[in-house]
Protein backbone atom coordinates (compact mmCIF):
# COMPACT_ATOMS: atom_id res chain seq x y z
CA UNK A 1 12.32 11.54 -14.26
CA UNK A 2 14.93 9.81 -11.88
CA UNK A 3 16.91 6.68 -12.04
CA UNK A 4 14.81 6.28 -8.55
CA UNK A 5 11.82 6.47 -10.64
CA UNK A 6 12.77 2.84 -11.87
CA UNK A 7 10.07 0.47 -11.53
CA UNK A 8 11.13 -2.34 -8.54
CA UNK A 9 8.56 -5.11 -10.15
CA UNK A 10 8.18 -7.34 -12.94
CA UNK A 11 4.84 -7.17 -15.04
CA UNK A 12 3.38 -9.92 -13.17
CA UNK A 13 4.45 -8.11 -9.61
CA UNK A 14 2.65 -5.14 -10.70
CA UNK A 15 -0.58 -6.63 -11.94
CA UNK A 16 -0.72 -8.49 -8.20
CA UNK A 17 0.16 -5.38 -6.59
CA UNK A 18 -2.53 -3.98 -8.14
CA UNK A 19 -5.12 -6.33 -8.34
CA UNK A 20 -4.34 -7.18 -4.30
CA UNK A 21 -4.91 -3.48 -4.09
CA UNK A 22 -8.12 -2.78 -5.77
CA UNK A 23 -9.13 -6.47 -3.30
CA UNK A 24 -8.23 -5.17 0.30
CA UNK A 25 -9.78 -1.86 -0.26
CA UNK A 26 -13.07 -3.92 -1.52
CA UNK A 27 -12.34 -5.43 1.90
CA UNK A 28 -12.07 -2.05 3.27
CA UNK A 29 -15.30 -0.58 2.22
CA UNK A 30 -17.41 -3.36 2.63
CA UNK A 31 -15.89 -4.44 6.25
CA UNK A 32 -16.15 -0.98 7.83
CA UNK A 33 -19.46 -0.06 6.34
CA UNK A 34 -20.89 -2.91 8.12
CA UNK A 35 -18.93 -2.43 11.43
CA UNK A 36 -19.00 1.69 11.32
CA UNK A 37 -22.67 1.79 10.21
CA UNK A 38 -24.10 4.55 11.73
CA UNK A 39 -21.38 6.33 10.47
CA UNK A 40 -20.69 4.86 6.92
CA UNK A 41 -24.41 4.95 6.26
CA UNK A 42 -24.46 6.06 3.09
CA UNK A 43 -21.54 3.56 1.74
CA UNK A 44 -23.49 0.32 3.12
CA UNK A 45 -26.68 2.07 1.64
CA UNK A 46 -24.72 2.69 -2.08
CA UNK A 47 -23.01 -0.66 -1.86
CA UNK A 48 -26.00 -2.21 -1.58
CA UNK A 49 -27.31 -2.53 2.05
CA UNK A 50 -25.98 -5.53 4.51
CA UNK A 51 -26.49 -8.34 2.82
CA UNK A 52 -25.50 -7.47 -0.14
CA UNK A 53 -21.98 -6.00 1.53
CA UNK A 54 -21.43 -9.43 3.83
CA UNK A 55 -21.76 -11.15 0.42
CA UNK A 56 -18.86 -8.47 -1.36
CA UNK A 57 -16.62 -8.93 1.00
CA UNK A 58 -16.59 -13.01 1.75
CA UNK A 59 -15.77 -12.86 -2.02
CA UNK A 60 -13.14 -10.68 -1.63
CA UNK A 61 -11.81 -12.71 0.95
CA UNK A 62 -11.73 -15.73 -1.01
CA UNK A 63 -10.14 -13.61 -3.65
CA UNK A 64 -7.24 -12.34 -0.84
CA UNK A 65 -6.43 -16.10 -0.43
CA UNK A 66 -6.62 -16.78 -4.36
CA UNK A 67 -3.99 -13.75 -5.17
CA UNK A 68 -1.60 -14.75 -1.91
CA UNK A 69 -1.77 -18.49 -2.48
CA UNK A 70 -1.16 -17.91 -6.60
CA UNK A 71 1.36 -15.12 -6.11
CA UNK A 72 3.37 -17.00 -3.05
CA UNK A 73 4.28 -20.28 -4.78
CA UNK A 74 5.15 -17.89 -8.22
CA UNK A 75 7.70 -16.11 -5.74
CA UNK A 76 9.28 -19.05 -4.42
CA UNK A 77 9.42 -20.68 -7.63
CA UNK A 78 11.64 -18.14 -9.98
CA UNK A 79 15.17 -16.96 -8.86
CA UNK A 80 14.01 -13.35 -8.95
CA UNK A 81 11.37 -14.14 -6.97
CA UNK A 82 13.76 -15.76 -4.31
CA UNK A 83 16.58 -12.94 -4.89
CA UNK A 84 13.87 -10.57 -3.98
CA UNK A 85 13.07 -12.27 -0.57
CA UNK A 86 16.78 -12.60 0.41
CA UNK A 87 16.48 -8.97 0.34
CA UNK A 88 14.05 -8.82 2.79
CA UNK A 89 16.18 -10.40 5.37
CA UNK A 90 17.23 -7.94 8.37
CA UNK A 91 20.63 -7.53 8.58
CA UNK A 92 23.33 -6.11 10.87
CA UNK A 93 22.89 -2.59 9.26
CA UNK A 94 19.05 -2.63 9.51
CA UNK A 95 19.18 -2.88 13.32
CA UNK A 96 22.22 -0.31 13.50
CA UNK A 97 20.05 2.53 10.95
CA UNK A 98 17.64 1.58 13.16
CA UNK A 99 19.25 2.49 16.58
CA UNK A 100 21.17 5.51 14.64
CA UNK A 101 17.70 6.99 13.25
CA UNK A 102 16.69 6.65 17.16
CA UNK A 103 19.48 8.82 18.55
CA UNK A 104 18.96 11.19 15.06
CA UNK A 105 15.69 11.73 15.77
CA UNK A 106 16.72 12.45 19.46
CA UNK A 107 19.53 14.63 18.19
CA UNK A 108 22.12 12.97 19.43
CA UNK A 109 23.65 11.80 15.95
CA UNK A 110 25.14 13.96 13.20
CA UNK A 111 23.07 12.13 10.17
CA UNK A 112 21.31 8.92 9.65
CA UNK A 113 22.75 6.00 8.92
CA UNK A 114 23.82 4.96 5.40
CA UNK A 115 21.15 1.64 5.61
CA UNK A 116 18.66 4.70 5.95
CA UNK A 117 19.40 6.46 2.81
CA UNK A 118 16.50 7.74 1.00
CA UNK A 119 17.34 10.25 -1.85
CA UNK A 120 18.62 13.28 -2.15
CA UNK A 121 22.88 14.23 -1.89
CA UNK A 122 23.25 10.26 -2.56
CA UNK A 123 24.50 8.39 -5.51
CA UNK A 124 22.58 5.15 -6.74
CA UNK A 125 24.44 2.81 -5.58
CA UNK A 126 24.54 4.60 -1.82
CA UNK A 127 21.14 4.45 -1.98
CA UNK A 128 19.39 0.70 -0.59
CA UNK A 129 17.04 -1.08 -2.22
CA UNK A 130 15.28 -1.59 0.65
CA UNK A 131 15.71 0.55 4.18
CA UNK A 132 15.16 -1.38 7.04
CA UNK A 133 11.86 0.40 6.83
CA UNK A 134 10.59 -0.73 4.42
CA UNK A 135 11.25 -4.15 5.62
CA UNK A 136 9.72 -3.94 8.51
CA UNK A 137 6.63 -2.58 7.05
CA UNK A 138 6.67 -5.40 4.45
CA UNK A 139 7.41 -8.52 7.73
CA UNK A 140 3.84 -6.76 9.21
CA UNK A 141 2.04 -6.41 6.12
CA UNK A 142 2.73 -10.21 6.14
CA UNK A 143 1.95 -11.28 8.73
CA UNK A 144 -1.27 -9.34 9.99
CA UNK A 145 -2.82 -10.43 5.96
CA UNK A 146 -1.77 -14.24 7.21
CA UNK A 147 -4.05 -13.40 10.53
CA UNK A 148 -6.90 -11.49 8.91
CA UNK A 149 -6.76 -14.39 6.57
CA UNK A 150 -6.75 -17.33 9.10
CA UNK A 151 -9.38 -15.58 11.65
CA UNK A 152 -11.64 -14.83 8.33
CA UNK A 153 -12.14 -18.75 7.56
CA UNK A 154 -12.26 -19.09 11.24
CA UNK A 155 -15.45 -16.15 11.73
CA UNK A 156 -17.08 -17.53 8.18
CA UNK A 157 -17.16 -20.96 9.96
CA UNK A 158 -18.86 -20.69 12.54
CA UNK A 159 -19.02 -24.66 14.01
CA UNK A 160 -15.41 -24.95 13.23
CA UNK A 161 -15.02 -21.37 15.63
CA UNK A 162 -17.55 -22.70 18.65
CA UNK A 163 -15.53 -26.03 18.38
CA UNK A 164 -11.94 -24.55 18.98
CA UNK A 165 -12.96 -21.54 21.11
CA UNK A 166 -15.77 -23.72 22.77
CA UNK A 167 -17.47 -20.31 24.82
CA UNK A 168 -19.70 -17.90 23.12
CA UNK A 169 -18.17 -15.26 24.76
CA UNK A 170 -14.68 -16.29 23.36
CA UNK A 171 -15.59 -16.94 19.74
CA UNK A 172 -17.00 -12.35 20.01
CA UNK A 173 -13.70 -11.75 20.88
CA UNK A 174 -11.83 -13.59 18.23
CA UNK A 175 -14.43 -11.71 15.54
CA UNK A 176 -13.81 -8.35 17.59
CA UNK A 177 -10.17 -9.44 17.36
CA UNK A 178 -10.67 -9.90 13.20
CA UNK A 179 -12.13 -6.32 13.06
CA UNK A 180 -9.28 -4.76 15.12
CA UNK A 181 -6.91 -6.47 13.19
CA UNK A 182 -8.68 -4.34 10.17
CA UNK A 183 -8.55 -1.33 12.10
CA UNK A 184 -4.70 -1.44 12.26
CA UNK A 185 -3.97 -2.52 8.98
CA UNK A 186 -6.56 0.45 7.67
CA UNK A 187 -4.18 2.51 9.23
CA UNK A 188 -1.21 1.15 7.51
CA UNK A 189 -3.05 1.60 4.16
CA UNK A 190 -3.97 5.54 4.64
CA UNK A 191 -0.35 6.12 5.47
CA UNK A 192 1.00 4.38 3.13
CA UNK A 193 -1.73 6.22 0.12
CA UNK A 194 -0.06 9.77 1.49
CA UNK A 195 3.80 8.55 1.42
CA UNK A 196 3.29 6.89 -2.07
CA UNK A 197 0.93 9.64 -3.96
CA UNK A 198 2.40 12.68 -2.26
CA UNK A 199 6.16 12.41 -2.11
CA UNK A 200 7.37 15.72 -3.04
CA UNK A 201 9.73 13.53 -5.04
CA UNK A 202 7.11 11.34 -7.22
CA UNK A 203 3.90 13.71 -6.25
CA UNK A 204 1.17 12.69 -7.69
CA UNK A 205 2.23 9.31 -7.60
CA UNK A 206 5.18 6.93 -7.33
CA UNK A 207 5.25 5.15 -10.07
CA UNK A 208 7.90 2.42 -9.49
CA UNK A 209 4.96 0.86 -8.31
CA UNK A 210 2.96 0.50 -11.38
CA UNK A 211 4.84 0.62 -14.25
CA UNK A 212 7.89 -1.81 -14.80
CA UNK A 213 11.86 -0.71 -15.30
CA UNK A 214 11.63 -1.39 -19.10
CA UNK A 215 8.27 0.65 -18.92
CA UNK A 216 8.81 3.87 -17.22
CA UNK A 217 7.69 6.96 -19.67
CA UNK A 218 9.85 9.90 -19.51
CA UNK A 219 12.76 8.06 -18.67
CA UNK A 220 15.80 10.43 -19.70
CA UNK A 221 19.48 9.46 -19.75
CA UNK A 222 21.39 11.47 -17.45
CA UNK A 223 24.68 13.85 -18.79
CA UNK A 224 27.69 12.10 -19.08
CA UNK A 225 29.77 12.95 -16.07
CA UNK A 226 26.50 12.56 -13.87
CA UNK A 227 25.98 8.25 -15.15
CA UNK A 228 26.64 5.77 -12.09
CA UNK A 229 27.09 8.15 -9.53
CA UNK A 230 24.08 10.51 -8.95
CA UNK A 231 20.33 10.05 -8.89
CA UNK A 232 18.99 12.90 -10.66
CA UNK A 233 17.07 14.08 -8.37
CA UNK A 234 18.36 17.36 -7.91
CA UNK A 235 16.66 17.86 -11.54
CA UNK A 236 14.08 17.88 -10.09
CA UNK A 237 11.19 20.50 -9.88
CA UNK A 238 8.45 20.53 -6.81
CA UNK A 239 5.03 21.18 -8.34
CA UNK A 240 2.93 24.01 -7.37
CA UNK A 241 -0.56 22.27 -6.34
CA UNK A 242 2.18 20.46 -3.90
CA UNK A 243 1.84 21.91 -1.18
CA UNK A 244 -1.94 22.68 -0.47
CA UNK A 245 -3.02 19.42 -1.83
CA UNK A 246 -0.78 17.89 0.82
CA UNK A 247 -1.71 19.44 4.17
CA UNK A 248 -5.06 18.67 2.68
CA UNK A 249 -4.13 15.41 2.65
CA UNK A 250 -1.84 14.70 5.17
CA UNK A 251 -4.47 16.54 7.26
CA UNK A 252 -7.56 13.80 6.14
CA UNK A 253 -4.99 10.60 7.25
CA UNK A 254 -4.43 11.98 10.44
CA UNK A 255 -7.92 12.63 11.45
CA UNK A 256 -8.59 9.38 9.72
CA UNK A 257 -6.56 7.45 11.22
CA UNK A 258 -7.67 9.10 14.22
CA UNK A 259 -10.74 8.67 14.05
CA UNK A 260 -11.27 4.48 13.54
CA UNK A 261 -8.95 4.30 16.19
CA UNK A 262 -11.13 6.10 18.37
CA UNK A 263 -13.97 4.42 17.26
CA UNK A 264 -12.47 0.98 17.81
CA UNK A 265 -12.32 1.68 21.16
CA UNK A 266 -15.81 3.87 22.14
CA UNK A 267 -17.77 2.86 19.39
CA UNK A 268 -20.42 -0.06 19.76
CA UNK A 269 -20.55 -1.28 16.05
CA UNK A 270 -20.10 -4.78 14.29
CA UNK A 271 -18.14 -6.78 15.06
CA UNK A 272 -17.09 -4.88 18.33
CA UNK A 273 -19.58 -6.67 21.19
CA UNK A 274 -20.90 -3.74 23.86
CA UNK A 275 -19.12 -5.70 26.30
CA UNK A 276 -16.14 -4.87 24.79
CA UNK A 277 -16.19 -1.31 24.04
CA UNK A 278 -15.12 1.71 26.45
CA UNK A 279 -17.63 3.59 26.94
CA UNK A 280 -18.22 7.10 27.08
CA UNK A 281 -15.52 7.79 24.49
CA UNK A 282 -15.76 11.46 21.36
CA UNK A 283 -19.09 12.55 20.31
CA UNK A 284 -20.91 10.53 17.66
CA UNK A 285 -20.23 13.92 15.44
CA UNK A 286 -16.45 13.77 15.91
CA UNK A 287 -16.35 10.12 15.21
CA UNK A 288 -18.22 10.27 11.95
CA UNK A 289 -15.95 13.30 10.56
CA UNK A 290 -13.16 11.07 11.18
CA UNK A 291 -14.49 7.68 9.84
CA UNK A 292 -15.23 9.20 7.14
CA UNK A 293 -11.68 11.04 6.06
CA UNK A 294 -10.54 7.84 6.60
CA UNK A 295 -13.18 6.70 3.81
CA UNK A 296 -12.23 9.65 1.65
CA UNK A 297 -8.74 8.93 1.73
CA UNK A 298 -9.16 5.18 0.55
CA UNK A 299 -11.41 6.48 -2.34
CA UNK A 300 -8.20 8.60 -3.13
CA UNK A 301 -6.20 5.24 -2.65
CA UNK A 302 -8.58 3.94 -5.67
CA UNK A 303 -7.95 6.65 -7.65
CA UNK A 304 -4.63 6.67 -7.38
CA UNK A 305 -4.49 3.24 -8.43
CA UNK A 306 -5.91 3.84 -11.08
CA UNK A 307 -4.24 7.04 -12.30
CA UNK A 308 -1.20 4.37 -11.87
CA UNK A 309 -2.07 1.27 -14.01
CA UNK A 310 -3.53 4.24 -16.63
CA UNK A 311 0.01 5.35 -16.49
CA UNK A 312 1.38 2.00 -16.70
CA UNK A 313 -1.00 1.30 -20.74
CA UNK A 314 0.20 4.46 -21.76
CA UNK A 315 3.48 3.66 -21.07
CA UNK A 316 2.99 0.26 -22.71
CA UNK A 317 1.42 1.75 -25.55
CA UNK A 318 4.99 4.36 -25.85
CA UNK A 319 6.82 1.30 -26.08
CA UNK A 320 4.45 -0.93 -28.66
CA UNK A 321 4.53 2.44 -30.93
CA UNK A 322 8.49 2.26 -30.35
CA UNK A 323 9.06 -1.37 -31.18
CA UNK A 324 6.52 -0.88 -33.79
CA UNK A 325 8.73 1.97 -35.41
CA UNK A 326 12.24 0.63 -35.18
CA UNK A 327 11.00 -2.49 -37.20
CA UNK A 328 9.29 -0.61 -39.75
CA UNK A 329 12.65 1.44 -39.51
CA UNK A 330 14.95 -1.33 -39.79
CA UNK A 331 12.68 -2.81 -42.64
CA UNK A 332 13.03 0.23 -45.02
CA UNK A 333 16.79 -0.26 -44.67
CA UNK A 334 17.04 -3.49 -45.17
CA UNK A 335 15.16 -2.91 -48.53
CA UNK A 336 17.31 -0.22 -49.73
CA UNK A 337 20.54 -1.83 -48.85
CA UNK A 338 19.22 -4.59 -51.07
């Protein structure tokens, strides 16, 4: 373990992260089993058919609204929450880091900007808690969730949607917009699963999003000469299974994203009207393989989320047992002293 494995969320934020993940997974599985029903017929049947899937999707949408409606005011009402929000505000250094990263990728800079540093070779104080990439992801996710919630509510209220858009064609285009938003968000989630499940420093899962700092299991105290000056990442050893699992998962993630993206353009499926599809694209077999690989990566995300929470439960149990042992030892010492 390293100091970078410490939790970055409070206990409430950890619970919110988990509930949000499961709710979004439910929205993905139900929405795409209907949207791409030809390729995902097995998922549609597994979830109980078209009507059952639509009901689950609707309930999951309400769940998303409740979660966001609870957590955002809670975040704004606490000093720590406002501090975290303030950390997300873009700075001049973030813009400079982005430009230098672009030059670095083009071979026009010798190193990445200090505000883009991640792990190896730097001390804990030199590694930013949130890089400009992390801030960008937070903003994109916030905008995407807001648009999905608003468009979903309008779609469920057909009368309001027709009154707002006036024509059936415009309303159908808005439904397609909601579906395409989901496809774009799925692309980001697939890569998010791969990034946090297969990072060589944290494989098979990054604990920071599941286990609060106070409950991080196995946190080793660094040597005296390394305290306050090193992240400890140089002491990590790469697992032997990381190579082939990363190759398989990475290929599935890339093909899954490509499959969903191409299917959203070429495939005729709900809620994409036939008039808005390009047609004449990849064969159904190629689309089916890509889409199903993407769903398998989502299922992997569910497994990793469950595993992360299992580690959280184990860490909480160890903390409770440690506190109980400490209390018992203190009581025994007091009795001896008496």
